[in-house]
């Protein structure tokens, strides 16, 4: 049994707040991460809307994956959720209510680093309830052309990713990490989002990325050999590390910590969403478990059959066994 598995749920010791701009709207956003009772999960609360509607951070609430992951309930939405969700999962936070006064999570510096620092300032509090973890028992795969994502059984949470670009700066990059608070904070959290200069300019012309600057986006030069950011890269392979960050953030929308090895090849937000749905649709390939301390080791207990627990996600289920699905092109 992997020693880094923490059997109990965690929340924050106290609320923490920040202020930033939305990447696409350019508007100022005030955000507070609040402690929450056990079994609450991660929720977003729109305090700027009458009735203060709440949106659970769940895959069934995803309404768009264009440029970022957006969740919604009716006409109420919250976009660019992935970096904050990655910070919460990476730091081991199970329960929190995120209060914000706009429809976009602030981009901060383009990474999960500022959110990790906020969570460290708040401190974490262990709760009395055990974590219910989604344990992969059989491989599940999803392909879309030359893009793919797969999850395999693993006693822990591991993410491996690969990207391939036809330019000298990025070319091919790979990264693999055991997702623990220590390694997430050291290796993944500070990796920033990136884009090609002409893509950013096109977004500006279409009224998007209005909050994008060299302070929160790695801008890749037209020559594809350098970046415009004067401070350079934080890691030589910062691009693939940010892709790993995105995988961690999006997979948080499954609603429970995952025990499995995620292997992503040139994936994006759209494929992540479709893959999570593939997981949900194949309950015979996973189960919910808890862990209890028994002497010096942890003992796993199955708490729900996947077939029954999956009914809250979808009414129909695919056959058992490894699932390989090929889908038409989807947004990234």
C-alpha atoms as a PDB file:
ATOM      1  CA  UNK A   1       0.000   0.000   0.000  1.00  0.00           C
ATOM      2  CA  UNK A   2       1.398   3.372  -0.996  1.00  0.00           C
ATOM      3  CA  UNK A   3       2.545   5.188   2.178  1.00  0.00           C
ATOM      4  CA  UNK A   4       1.367   8.618   0.966  1.00  0.00           C
ATOM      5  CA  UNK A   5      -2.323   7.692   1.113  1.00  0.00           C
ATOM      6  CA  UNK A   6      -4.066   9.770   3.763  1.00  0.00           C
ATOM      7  CA  UNK A   7      -7.229   7.962   4.959  1.00  0.00           C
ATOM      8  CA  UNK A   8      -9.046  10.991   6.419  1.00  0.00           C
ATOM      9  CA  UNK A   9     -10.698  13.963   4.747  1.00  0.00           C
ATOM     10  CA  UNK A  10      -9.205  17.441   5.054  1.00  0.00           C
ATOM     11  CA  UNK A  11     -10.491  20.992   4.899  1.00  0.00           C
ATOM     12  CA  UNK A  12      -8.958  24.410   5.665  1.00  0.00           C
ATOM     13  CA  UNK A  13      -8.331  25.681   9.180  1.00  0.00           C
ATOM     14  CA  UNK A  14      -9.607  29.146   8.244  1.00  0.00           C
ATOM     15  CA  UNK A  15     -10.807  31.114   5.202  1.00  0.00           C
ATOM     16  CA  UNK A  16      -8.234  32.699   2.898  1.00  0.00           C
ATOM     17  CA  UNK A  17      -8.813  35.293   0.171  1.00  0.00           C
ATOM     18  CA  UNK A  18      -7.147  36.689  -2.918  1.00  0.00           C
ATOM     19  CA  UNK A  19      -7.879  39.183  -5.651  1.00  0.00           C
ATOM     20  CA  UNK A  20      -6.897  38.911  -9.297  1.00  0.00           C
ATOM     21  CA  UNK A  21      -8.141  39.275 -12.851  1.00  0.00           C
ATOM     22  CA  UNK A  22      -9.989  36.835 -15.058  1.00  0.00           C
ATOM     23  CA  UNK A  23      -7.824  35.627 -17.924  1.00  0.00           C
ATOM     24  CA  UNK A  24     -10.529  36.080 -20.544  1.00  0.00           C
ATOM     25  CA  UNK A  25     -12.682  38.889 -19.137  1.00  0.00           C
ATOM     26  CA  UNK A  26      -9.868  40.982 -17.693  1.00  0.00           C
ATOM     27  CA  UNK A  27     -12.229  41.829 -14.810  1.00  0.00           C
ATOM     28  CA  UNK A  28     -11.181  42.003 -11.164  1.00  0.00           C
ATOM     29  CA  UNK A  29     -12.265  38.944  -9.195  1.00  0.00           C
ATOM     30  CA  UNK A  30     -12.395  38.560  -5.413  1.00  0.00           C
ATOM     31  CA  UNK A  31     -12.135  34.970  -4.250  1.00  0.00           C
ATOM     32  CA  UNK A  32     -12.313  33.342  -0.816  1.00  0.00           C
ATOM     33  CA  UNK A  33     -11.672  29.668  -0.088  1.00  0.00           C
ATOM     34  CA  UNK A  34     -13.712  28.644   2.960  1.00  0.00           C
ATOM     35  CA  UNK A  35     -13.548  25.537   5.173  1.00  0.00           C
ATOM     36  CA  UNK A  36     -16.442  23.109   4.701  1.00  0.00           C
ATOM     37  CA  UNK A  37     -17.875  20.141   6.631  1.00  0.00           C
ATOM     38  CA  UNK A  38     -16.837  16.587   5.804  1.00  0.00           C
ATOM     39  CA  UNK A  39     -18.409  15.103   2.660  1.00  0.00           C
ATOM     40  CA  UNK A  40     -19.159  18.558   1.203  1.00  0.00           C
ATOM     41  CA  UNK A  41     -16.645  18.187  -1.602  1.00  0.00           C
ATOM     42  CA  UNK A  42     -15.485  21.226  -3.572  1.00  0.00           C
ATOM     43  CA  UNK A  43     -18.170  23.798  -4.348  1.00  0.00           C
ATOM     44  CA  UNK A  44     -18.174  27.204  -6.042  1.00  0.00           C
ATOM     45  CA  UNK A  45     -20.482  29.909  -4.673  1.00  0.00           C
ATOM     46  CA  UNK A  46     -21.341  32.961  -6.820  1.00  0.00           C
ATOM     47  CA  UNK A  47     -21.759  35.702  -4.212  1.00  0.00           C
ATOM     48  CA  UNK A  48     -22.398  38.310  -6.925  1.00  0.00           C
ATOM     49  CA  UNK A  49     -25.686  36.672  -7.954  1.00  0.00           C
ATOM     50  CA  UNK A  50     -28.988  36.920  -6.099  1.00  0.00           C
ATOM     51  CA  UNK A  51     -29.594  33.779  -4.069  1.00  0.00           C
ATOM     52  CA  UNK A  52     -25.858  33.016  -3.993  1.00  0.00           C
ATOM     53  CA  UNK A  53     -26.097  29.887  -6.188  1.00  0.00           C
ATOM     54  CA  UNK A  54     -23.707  27.008  -5.561  1.00  0.00           C
ATOM     55  CA  UNK A  55     -22.122  24.848  -8.263  1.00  0.00           C
ATOM     56  CA  UNK A  56     -20.552  21.529  -7.210  1.00  0.00           C
ATOM     57  CA  UNK A  57     -17.181  20.860  -8.831  1.00  0.00           C
ATOM     58  CA  UNK A  58     -18.344  17.732 -10.634  1.00  0.00           C
ATOM     59  CA  UNK A  59     -17.910  16.491 -14.180  1.00  0.00           C
ATOM     60  CA  UNK A  60     -21.664  16.454 -14.767  1.00  0.00           C
ATOM     61  CA  UNK A  61     -21.600  20.224 -14.231  1.00  0.00           C
ATOM     62  CA  UNK A  62     -19.068  20.880 -17.022  1.00  0.00           C
ATOM     63  CA  UNK A  63     -20.688  23.106 -19.652  1.00  0.00           C
ATOM     64  CA  UNK A  64     -17.669  24.094 -21.768  1.00  0.00           C
ATOM     65  CA  UNK A  65     -14.059  23.063 -22.355  1.00  0.00           C
ATOM     66  CA  UNK A  66     -13.162  25.793 -24.845  1.00  0.00           C
ATOM     67  CA  UNK A  67      -9.845  27.337 -23.717  1.00  0.00           C
ATOM     68  CA  UNK A  68     -10.543  26.294 -20.092  1.00  0.00           C
ATOM     69  CA  UNK A  69     -12.871  24.111 -18.025  1.00  0.00           C
ATOM     70  CA  UNK A  70     -16.173  25.810 -17.203  1.00  0.00           C
ATOM     71  CA  UNK A  71     -18.799  24.391 -14.848  1.00  0.00           C
ATOM     72  CA  UNK A  72     -22.344  25.638 -14.508  1.00  0.00           C
ATOM     73  CA  UNK A  73     -25.814  25.294 -13.055  1.00  0.00           C
ATOM     74  CA  UNK A  74     -28.479  26.806 -15.290  1.00  0.00           C
ATOM     75  CA  UNK A  75     -27.337  30.264 -16.361  1.00  0.00           C
ATOM     76  CA  UNK A  76     -24.755  30.449 -13.540  1.00  0.00           C
ATOM     77  CA  UNK A  77     -21.225  29.461 -14.557  1.00  0.00           C
ATOM     78  CA  UNK A  78     -17.641  29.505 -13.273  1.00  0.00           C
ATOM     79  CA  UNK A  79     -14.795  29.256 -15.782  1.00  0.00           C
ATOM     80  CA  UNK A  80     -11.047  28.596 -15.656  1.00  0.00           C
ATOM     81  CA  UNK A  81     -11.470  26.231 -12.708  1.00  0.00           C
ATOM     82  CA  UNK A  82      -8.597  23.858 -13.442  1.00  0.00           C
ATOM     83  CA  UNK A  83      -5.669  25.610 -11.711  1.00  0.00           C
ATOM     84  CA  UNK A  84      -7.506  26.128  -8.430  1.00  0.00           C
ATOM     85  CA  UNK A  85      -8.893  22.597  -8.503  1.00  0.00           C
ATOM     86  CA  UNK A  86      -5.390  21.252  -9.129  1.00  0.00           C
ATOM     87  CA  UNK A  87      -4.104  23.162  -6.092  1.00  0.00           C
ATOM     88  CA  UNK A  88      -6.881  21.772  -3.885  1.00  0.00           C
ATOM     89  CA  UNK A  89      -6.323  18.193  -5.023  1.00  0.00           C
ATOM     90  CA  UNK A  90      -2.551  18.530  -5.032  1.00  0.00           C
ATOM     91  CA  UNK A  91      -2.545  19.846  -1.458  1.00  0.00           C
ATOM     92  CA  UNK A  92      -5.003  17.205  -0.274  1.00  0.00           C
ATOM     93  CA  UNK A  93      -8.080  19.356   0.353  1.00  0.00           C
ATOM     94  CA  UNK A  94     -11.332  17.390   0.129  1.00  0.00           C
ATOM     95  CA  UNK A  95     -13.896  19.924   1.316  1.00  0.00           C
ATOM     96  CA  UNK A  96     -14.074  23.646   0.560  1.00  0.00           C
ATOM     97  CA  UNK A  97     -16.550  26.295  -0.570  1.00  0.00           C
ATOM     98  CA  UNK A  98     -15.038  28.809  -2.995  1.00  0.00           C
ATOM     99  CA  UNK A  99     -16.792  32.171  -2.870  1.00  0.00           C
ATOM    100  CA  UNK A 100     -16.172  34.433  -5.870  1.00  0.00           C
ATOM    101  CA  UNK A 101     -17.840  37.565  -7.204  1.00  0.00           C
ATOM    102  CA  UNK A 102     -17.447  36.875 -10.925  1.00  0.00           C
ATOM    103  CA  UNK A 103     -17.856  34.020 -13.364  1.00  0.00           C
ATOM    104  CA  UNK A 104     -14.119  33.410 -13.798  1.00  0.00           C
ATOM    105  CA  UNK A 105     -11.525  32.186 -11.318  1.00  0.00           C
ATOM    106  CA  UNK A 106      -8.641  34.714 -11.274  1.00  0.00           C
ATOM    107  CA  UNK A 107      -5.704  33.606 -13.379  1.00  0.00           C
ATOM    108  CA  UNK A 108      -3.122  34.880 -10.830  1.00  0.00           C
ATOM    109  CA  UNK A 109       0.313  34.107 -12.366  1.00  0.00           C
ATOM    110  CA  UNK A 110      -1.022  31.441 -14.745  1.00  0.00           C
ATOM    111  CA  UNK A 111      -0.179  28.537 -12.442  1.00  0.00           C
ATOM    112  CA  UNK A 112      -1.482  26.868  -9.302  1.00  0.00           C
ATOM    113  CA  UNK A 113       1.373  28.305  -7.221  1.00  0.00           C
ATOM    114  CA  UNK A 114      -0.494  31.298  -5.712  1.00  0.00           C
ATOM    115  CA  UNK A 115      -3.392  29.042  -4.683  1.00  0.00           C
ATOM    116  CA  UNK A 116      -0.990  26.588  -3.045  1.00  0.00           C
ATOM    117  CA  UNK A 117       0.516  29.460  -1.059  1.00  0.00           C
ATOM    118  CA  UNK A 118      -2.989  30.519   0.014  1.00  0.00           C
ATOM    119  CA  UNK A 119      -3.778  27.008   1.221  1.00  0.00           C
ATOM    120  CA  UNK A 120      -0.527  26.842   3.175  1.00  0.00           C
ATOM    121  CA  UNK A 121      -1.397  30.168   4.805  1.00  0.00           C
ATOM    122  CA  UNK A 122      -4.811  28.795   5.788  1.00  0.00           C
ATOM    123  CA  UNK A 123      -3.447  25.531   7.107  1.00  0.00           C
ATOM    124  CA  UNK A 124      -5.246  22.209   6.749  1.00  0.00           C
ATOM    125  CA  UNK A 125      -7.508  20.533   9.271  1.00  0.00           C
ATOM    126  CA  UNK A 126      -8.031  16.774   9.403  1.00  0.00           C
ATOM    127  CA  UNK A 127     -11.671  15.775   9.688  1.00  0.00           C
ATOM    128  CA  UNK A 128     -13.164  12.737  11.374  1.00  0.00           C
ATOM    129  CA  UNK A 129     -14.651  11.213   8.220  1.00  0.00           C
ATOM    130  CA  UNK A 130     -12.737   8.768   6.054  1.00  0.00           C
ATOM    131  CA  UNK A 131     -11.988   9.616   2.458  1.00  0.00           C
ATOM    132  CA  UNK A 132     -14.002   7.723  -0.139  1.00  0.00           C
ATOM    133  CA  UNK A 133     -11.565   7.091  -2.974  1.00  0.00           C
ATOM    134  CA  UNK A 134     -12.268   6.028  -6.524  1.00  0.00           C
ATOM    135  CA  UNK A 135     -10.005   3.018  -7.042  1.00  0.00           C
ATOM    136  CA  UNK A 136      -9.357   1.869 -10.601  1.00  0.00           C
ATOM    137  CA  UNK A 137      -9.546  -1.914 -10.937  1.00  0.00           C
ATOM    138  CA  UNK A 138      -9.300  -2.287 -14.740  1.00  0.00           C
ATOM    139  CA  UNK A 139      -7.737  -0.055 -17.411  1.00  0.00           C
ATOM    140  CA  UNK A 140      -9.953   2.483 -19.168  1.00  0.00           C
ATOM    141  CA  UNK A 141      -8.794   4.275 -22.327  1.00  0.00           C
ATOM    142  CA  UNK A 142     -10.097   7.008 -24.599  1.00  0.00           C
ATOM    143  CA  UNK A 143      -8.698   8.108 -27.956  1.00  0.00           C
ATOM    144  CA  UNK A 144      -9.408  11.035 -30.250  1.00  0.00           C
ATOM    145  CA  UNK A 145      -7.240  10.850 -33.343  1.00  0.00           C
ATOM    146  CA  UNK A 146      -3.620  11.147 -32.223  1.00  0.00           C
ATOM    147  CA  UNK A 147      -4.666  12.214 -28.715  1.00  0.00           C
ATOM    148  CA  UNK A 148      -5.358   9.727 -25.951  1.00  0.00           C
ATOM    149  CA  UNK A 149      -5.774   9.318 -22.232  1.00  0.00           C
ATOM    150  CA  UNK A 150      -5.771   6.151 -20.147  1.00  0.00           C
ATOM    151  CA  UNK A 151      -5.989   5.152 -16.516  1.00  0.00           C
ATOM    152  CA  UNK A 152      -4.604   1.948 -15.024  1.00  0.00           C
ATOM    153  CA  UNK A 153      -4.794   0.342 -11.564  1.00  0.00           C
ATOM    154  CA  UNK A 154      -2.193   1.785  -9.190  1.00  0.00           C
ATOM    155  CA  UNK A 155      -1.807   1.922  -5.408  1.00  0.00           C
ATOM    156  CA  UNK A 156      -1.559   5.696  -5.259  1.00  0.00           C
ATOM    157  CA  UNK A 157      -2.198   8.601  -7.626  1.00  0.00           C
ATOM    158  CA  UNK A 158       0.230   9.060 -10.508  1.00  0.00           C
ATOM    159  CA  UNK A 159       0.012  11.211 -13.632  1.00  0.00           C
ATOM    160  CA  UNK A 160       2.210  10.760 -16.694  1.00  0.00           C
ATOM    161  CA  UNK A 161       1.874  12.999 -19.730  1.00  0.00           C
ATOM    162  CA  UNK A 162       3.413  13.669 -23.127  1.00  0.00           C
ATOM    163  CA  UNK A 163       3.128  16.600 -25.551  1.00  0.00           C
ATOM    164  CA  UNK A 164       4.442  17.016 -29.078  1.00  0.00           C
ATOM    165  CA  UNK A 165       4.786  20.321 -30.941  1.00  0.00           C
ATOM    166  CA  UNK A 166       6.441  21.000 -34.280  1.00  0.00           C
ATOM    167  CA  UNK A 167       8.795  23.670 -32.999  1.00  0.00           C
ATOM    168  CA  UNK A 168      12.297  23.843 -31.611  1.00  0.00           C
ATOM    169  CA  UNK A 169      11.329  25.265 -28.210  1.00  0.00           C
ATOM    170  CA  UNK A 170       8.902  22.579 -27.034  1.00  0.00           C
ATOM    171  CA  UNK A 171       9.272  19.673 -29.456  1.00  0.00           C
ATOM    172  CA  UNK A 172       8.477  16.525 -27.426  1.00  0.00           C
ATOM    173  CA  UNK A 173       8.260  16.625 -23.631  1.00  0.00           C
ATOM    174  CA  UNK A 174       7.291  13.964 -21.089  1.00  0.00           C
ATOM    175  CA  UNK A 175       6.728  14.102 -17.364  1.00  0.00           C
ATOM    176  CA  UNK A 176       5.552  11.662 -14.722  1.00  0.00           C
ATOM    177  CA  UNK A 177       4.825  12.414 -11.083  1.00  0.00           C
ATOM    178  CA  UNK A 178       3.420  10.703  -8.015  1.00  0.00           C
ATOM    179  CA  UNK A 179       0.829  13.254  -6.922  1.00  0.00           C
ATOM    180  CA  UNK A 180       1.582  14.010  -3.282  1.00  0.00           C
ATOM    181  CA  UNK A 181       1.395  17.434  -1.608  1.00  0.00           C
ATOM    182  CA  UNK A 182       5.182  17.601  -1.466  1.00  0.00           C
ATOM    183  CA  UNK A 183       5.846  16.700  -5.082  1.00  0.00           C
ATOM    184  CA  UNK A 184       2.911  18.697  -6.414  1.00  0.00           C
ATOM    185  CA  UNK A 185       4.127  21.824  -4.632  1.00  0.00           C
ATOM    186  CA  UNK A 186       7.733  21.352  -5.715  1.00  0.00           C
ATOM    187  CA  UNK A 187       7.385  20.043  -9.274  1.00  0.00           C
ATOM    188  CA  UNK A 188       3.990  20.988 -10.710  1.00  0.00           C
ATOM    189  CA  UNK A 189       2.227  23.891  -8.975  1.00  0.00           C
ATOM    190  CA  UNK A 190       4.403  26.722 -10.361  1.00  0.00           C
ATOM    191  CA  UNK A 191       4.197  25.642 -14.025  1.00  0.00           C
ATOM    192  CA  UNK A 192       2.348  28.343 -15.995  1.00  0.00           C
ATOM    193  CA  UNK A 193      -0.089  28.233 -18.872  1.00  0.00           C
ATOM    194  CA  UNK A 194       1.380  29.020 -22.280  1.00  0.00           C
ATOM    195  CA  UNK A 195       0.410  30.056 -25.769  1.00  0.00           C
ATOM    196  CA  UNK A 196       1.820  31.203 -29.085  1.00  0.00           C
ATOM    197  CA  UNK A 197       1.945  34.965 -29.551  1.00  0.00           C
ATOM    198  CA  UNK A 198      -0.259  34.971 -32.637  1.00  0.00           C
ATOM    199  CA  UNK A 199      -2.865  32.850 -30.833  1.00  0.00           C
ATOM    200  CA  UNK A 200      -3.000  35.344 -27.974  1.00  0.00           C
ATOM    201  CA  UNK A 201      -3.336  38.225 -30.438  1.00  0.00           C
ATOM    202  CA  UNK A 202      -6.218  36.427 -32.184  1.00  0.00           C
ATOM    203  CA  UNK A 203      -7.947  35.885 -28.834  1.00  0.00           C
ATOM    204  CA  UNK A 204      -7.602  39.606 -28.060  1.00  0.00           C
ATOM    205  CA  UNK A 205      -9.188  40.464 -31.417  1.00  0.00           C
ATOM    206  CA  UNK A 206     -12.146  38.222 -30.510  1.00  0.00           C
ATOM    207  CA  UNK A 207     -12.614  39.796 -27.088  1.00  0.00           C
ATOM    208  CA  UNK A 208     -10.941  36.929 -25.194  1.00  0.00           C
ATOM    209  CA  UNK A 209      -7.787  36.651 -23.069  1.00  0.00           C
ATOM    210  CA  UNK A 210      -8.300  40.300 -22.130  1.00  0.00           C
ATOM    211  CA  UNK A 211      -6.526  39.667 -18.816  1.00  0.00           C
ATOM    212  CA  UNK A 212      -3.617  37.843 -20.434  1.00  0.00           C
ATOM    213  CA  UNK A 213      -0.202  39.444 -19.927  1.00  0.00           C
ATOM    214  CA  UNK A 214       3.396  38.324 -19.652  1.00  0.00           C
ATOM    215  CA  UNK A 215       2.768  38.173 -15.900  1.00  0.00           C
ATOM    216  CA  UNK A 216       0.379  35.243 -16.251  1.00  0.00           C
ATOM    217  CA  UNK A 217       1.042  33.533 -19.603  1.00  0.00           C
ATOM    218  CA  UNK A 218       4.187  32.132 -21.172  1.00  0.00           C
ATOM    219  CA  UNK A 219       4.178  33.766 -24.609  1.00  0.00           C
ATOM    220  CA  UNK A 220       6.043  31.712 -27.226  1.00  0.00           C
ATOM    221  CA  UNK A 221       7.852  33.875 -29.777  1.00  0.00           C
ATOM    222  CA  UNK A 222       6.944  33.817 -33.461  1.00  0.00           C
ATOM    223  CA  UNK A 223      10.307  32.143 -34.152  1.00  0.00           C
ATOM    224  CA  UNK A 224       9.291  29.194 -31.941  1.00  0.00           C
ATOM    225  CA  UNK A 225      12.761  29.209 -30.378  1.00  0.00           C
ATOM    226  CA  UNK A 226      12.263  31.545 -27.420  1.00  0.00           C
ATOM    227  CA  UNK A 227       9.664  33.165 -25.172  1.00  0.00           C
ATOM    228  CA  UNK A 228       8.824  36.827 -24.674  1.00  0.00           C
ATOM    229  CA  UNK A 229       8.805  36.633 -20.868  1.00  0.00           C
ATOM    230  CA  UNK A 230      11.944  38.382 -19.621  1.00  0.00           C
ATOM    231  CA  UNK A 231      12.297  36.136 -16.575  1.00  0.00           C
ATOM    232  CA  UNK A 232      12.416  33.011 -18.719  1.00  0.00           C
ATOM    233  CA  UNK A 233      11.048  29.600 -17.830  1.00  0.00           C
ATOM    234  CA  UNK A 234      10.645  28.331 -14.275  1.00  0.00           C
ATOM    235  CA  UNK A 235      11.529  24.796 -15.445  1.00  0.00           C
ATOM    236  CA  UNK A 236      13.213  23.682 -18.658  1.00  0.00           C
ATOM    237  CA  UNK A 237      10.136  21.519 -19.287  1.00  0.00           C
ATOM    238  CA  UNK A 238       7.545  23.919 -17.856  1.00  0.00           C
ATOM    239  CA  UNK A 239       5.165  23.237 -20.757  1.00  0.00           C
ATOM    240  CA  UNK A 240       4.602  19.559 -19.993  1.00  0.00           C
ATOM    241  CA  UNK A 241       4.489  20.222 -16.267  1.00  0.00           C
ATOM    242  CA  UNK A 242       1.596  22.613 -16.869  1.00  0.00           C
ATOM    243  CA  UNK A 243      -0.188  19.955 -18.902  1.00  0.00           C
ATOM    244  CA  UNK A 244       0.170  17.592 -15.937  1.00  0.00           C
ATOM    245  CA  UNK A 245      -1.298  20.357 -13.753  1.00  0.00           C
ATOM    246  CA  UNK A 246      -4.308  20.599 -16.077  1.00  0.00           C
ATOM    247  CA  UNK A 247      -4.867  16.832 -15.926  1.00  0.00           C
ATOM    248  CA  UNK A 248      -4.815  16.910 -12.115  1.00  0.00           C
ATOM    249  CA  UNK A 249      -7.197  19.870 -12.013  1.00  0.00           C
ATOM    250  CA  UNK A 250      -9.714  18.431 -14.450  1.00  0.00           C
ATOM    251  CA  UNK A 251      -9.657  14.952 -12.904  1.00  0.00           C
ATOM    252  CA  UNK A 252     -10.659  16.549  -9.598  1.00  0.00           C
ATOM    253  CA  UNK A 253     -14.129  16.870 -11.135  1.00  0.00           C
ATOM    254  CA  UNK A 254     -14.644  13.134 -10.574  1.00  0.00           C
ATOM    255  CA  UNK A 255     -15.505  14.246  -7.043  1.00  0.00           C
ATOM    256  CA  UNK A 256     -13.259  11.821  -5.141  1.00  0.00           C
ATOM    257  CA  UNK A 257      -9.515  11.280  -4.857  1.00  0.00           C
ATOM    258  CA  UNK A 258      -8.394   8.764  -7.476  1.00  0.00           C
ATOM    259  CA  UNK A 259      -6.267   5.680  -6.950  1.00  0.00           C
ATOM    260  CA  UNK A 260      -4.838   5.013 -10.371  1.00  0.00           C
ATOM    261  CA  UNK A 261      -2.179   5.939 -12.924  1.00  0.00           C
ATOM    262  CA  UNK A 262      -3.359   8.480 -15.519  1.00  0.00           C
ATOM    263  CA  UNK A 263      -1.416   8.442 -18.797  1.00  0.00           C
ATOM    264  CA  UNK A 264      -2.209  11.398 -21.079  1.00  0.00           C
ATOM    265  CA  UNK A 265      -0.801  11.855 -24.588  1.00  0.00           C
ATOM    266  CA  UNK A 266      -1.410  15.321 -26.132  1.00  0.00           C
ATOM    267  CA  UNK A 267      -4.680  15.623 -24.231  1.00  0.00           C
ATOM    268  CA  UNK A 268      -6.670  18.771 -23.455  1.00  0.00           C
ATOM    269  CA  UNK A 269      -9.699  19.877 -21.475  1.00  0.00           C
ATOM    270  CA  UNK A 270     -12.205  18.465 -23.961  1.00  0.00           C
ATOM    271  CA  UNK A 271     -10.601  15.030 -23.937  1.00  0.00           C
ATOM    272  CA  UNK A 272     -10.330  15.129 -20.137  1.00  0.00           C
ATOM    273  CA  UNK A 273     -14.059  15.738 -19.870  1.00  0.00           C
ATOM    274  CA  UNK A 274     -14.877  12.929 -22.291  1.00  0.00           C
ATOM    275  CA  UNK A 275     -12.504  10.610 -20.448  1.00  0.00           C
ATOM    276  CA  UNK A 276     -14.092  11.294 -17.077  1.00  0.00           C
ATOM    277  CA  UNK A 277     -17.438  10.445 -18.637  1.00  0.00           C
ATOM    278  CA  UNK A 278     -15.911   7.202 -19.936  1.00  0.00           C
ATOM    279  CA  UNK A 279     -14.823   6.385 -16.383  1.00  0.00           C
ATOM    280  CA  UNK A 280     -18.318   7.095 -15.075  1.00  0.00           C
ATOM    281  CA  UNK A 281     -19.900   5.002 -17.824  1.00  0.00           C
ATOM    282  CA  UNK A 282     -17.791   1.956 -16.935  1.00  0.00           C
ATOM    283  CA  UNK A 283     -18.419   1.292 -13.222  1.00  0.00           C
ATOM    284  CA  UNK A 284     -17.176  -2.295 -13.440  1.00  0.00           C
ATOM    285  CA  UNK A 285     -13.670  -0.890 -13.895  1.00  0.00           C
ATOM    286  CA  UNK A 286     -13.576   0.927 -10.531  1.00  0.00           C
ATOM    287  CA  UNK A 287     -14.887   0.900  -6.983  1.00  0.00           C
ATOM    288  CA  UNK A 288     -15.164   3.215  -4.002  1.00  0.00           C
ATOM    289  CA  UNK A 289     -12.888   2.343  -1.086  1.00  0.00           C
ATOM    290  CA  UNK A 290     -11.829   3.767   2.269  1.00  0.00           C
ATOM    291  CA  UNK A 291      -8.671   3.079   4.272  1.00  0.00           C
ATOM    292  CA  UNK A 292      -8.319   2.469   7.983  1.00  0.00           C
ATOM    293  CA  UNK A 293      -5.214   2.303  10.130  1.00  0.00           C
ATOM    294  CA  UNK A 294      -4.397  -1.187  11.312  1.00  0.00           C
ATOM    295  CA  UNK A 295      -1.169  -1.250  13.237  1.00  0.00           C
ATOM    296  CA  UNK A 296       1.574   0.326  11.146  1.00  0.00           C
ATOM    297  CA  UNK A 297      -0.237  -0.178   7.833  1.00  0.00           C
ATOM    298  CA  UNK A 298      -3.423   0.882   6.090  1.00  0.00           C
ATOM    299  CA  UNK A 299      -6.203  -1.591   5.379  1.00  0.00           C
ATOM    300  CA  UNK A 300      -8.496  -1.026   2.410  1.00  0.00           C
ATOM    301  CA  UNK A 301     -12.258  -1.461   2.713  1.00  0.00           C
ATOM    302  CA  UNK A 302     -14.652  -1.512  -0.225  1.00  0.00           C
ATOM    303  CA  UNK A 303     -17.509   0.804   0.710  1.00  0.00           C
ATOM    304  CA  UNK A 304     -19.708   0.782  -2.406  1.00  0.00           C
ATOM    305  CA  UNK A 305     -20.038  -1.274  -5.510  1.00  0.00           C
ATOM    306  CA  UNK A 306     -19.183   0.780  -8.548  1.00  0.00           C
ATOM    307  CA  UNK A 307     -22.337  -0.371 -10.299  1.00  0.00           C
ATOM    308  CA  UNK A 308     -24.566   1.145  -7.642  1.00  0.00           C
ATOM    309  CA  UNK A 309     -22.507   4.253  -6.964  1.00  0.00           C
ATOM    310  CA  UNK A 310     -22.239   4.996 -10.666  1.00  0.00           C
ATOM    311  CA  UNK A 311     -25.979   5.473 -10.952  1.00  0.00           C
ATOM    312  CA  UNK A 312     -25.710   8.993  -9.630  1.00  0.00           C
ATOM    313  CA  UNK A 313     -23.517   9.836 -12.634  1.00  0.00           C
ATOM    314  CA  UNK A 314     -25.275   8.075 -15.493  1.00  0.00           C
ATOM    315  CA  UNK A 315     -28.251   5.728 -15.914  1.00  0.00           C
ATOM    316  CA  UNK A 316     -26.589   3.253 -18.265  1.00  0.00           C
ATOM    317  CA  UNK A 317     -23.311   1.389 -18.115  1.00  0.00           C
ATOM    318  CA  UNK A 318     -20.950  -0.072 -20.681  1.00  0.00           C
ATOM    319  CA  UNK A 319     -19.736  -3.697 -20.476  1.00  0.00           C
ATOM    320  CA  UNK A 320     -16.994  -4.707 -18.066  1.00  0.00           C
ATOM    321  CA  UNK A 321     -13.357  -4.919 -19.052  1.00  0.00           C
ATOM    322  CA  UNK A 322     -10.956  -2.427 -20.539  1.00  0.00           C
ATOM    323  CA  UNK A 323     -12.703   0.252 -22.531  1.00  0.00           C
ATOM    324  CA  UNK A 324     -11.167   1.765 -25.652  1.00  0.00           C
ATOM    325  CA  UNK A 325     -13.337   4.480 -27.153  1.00  0.00           C
ATOM    326  CA  UNK A 326     -12.647   6.492 -30.286  1.00  0.00           C
ATOM    327  CA  UNK A 327     -14.477   9.800 -30.464  1.00  0.00           C
ATOM    328  CA  UNK A 328     -14.757  12.543 -33.076  1.00  0.00           C
ATOM    329  CA  UNK A 329     -12.633  15.622 -32.576  1.00  0.00           C
ATOM    330  CA  UNK A 330     -13.478  17.608 -29.463  1.00  0.00           C
ATOM    331  CA  UNK A 331     -12.391  20.963 -28.074  1.00  0.00           C
ATOM    332  CA  UNK A 332      -9.129  21.253 -26.208  1.00  0.00           C
END
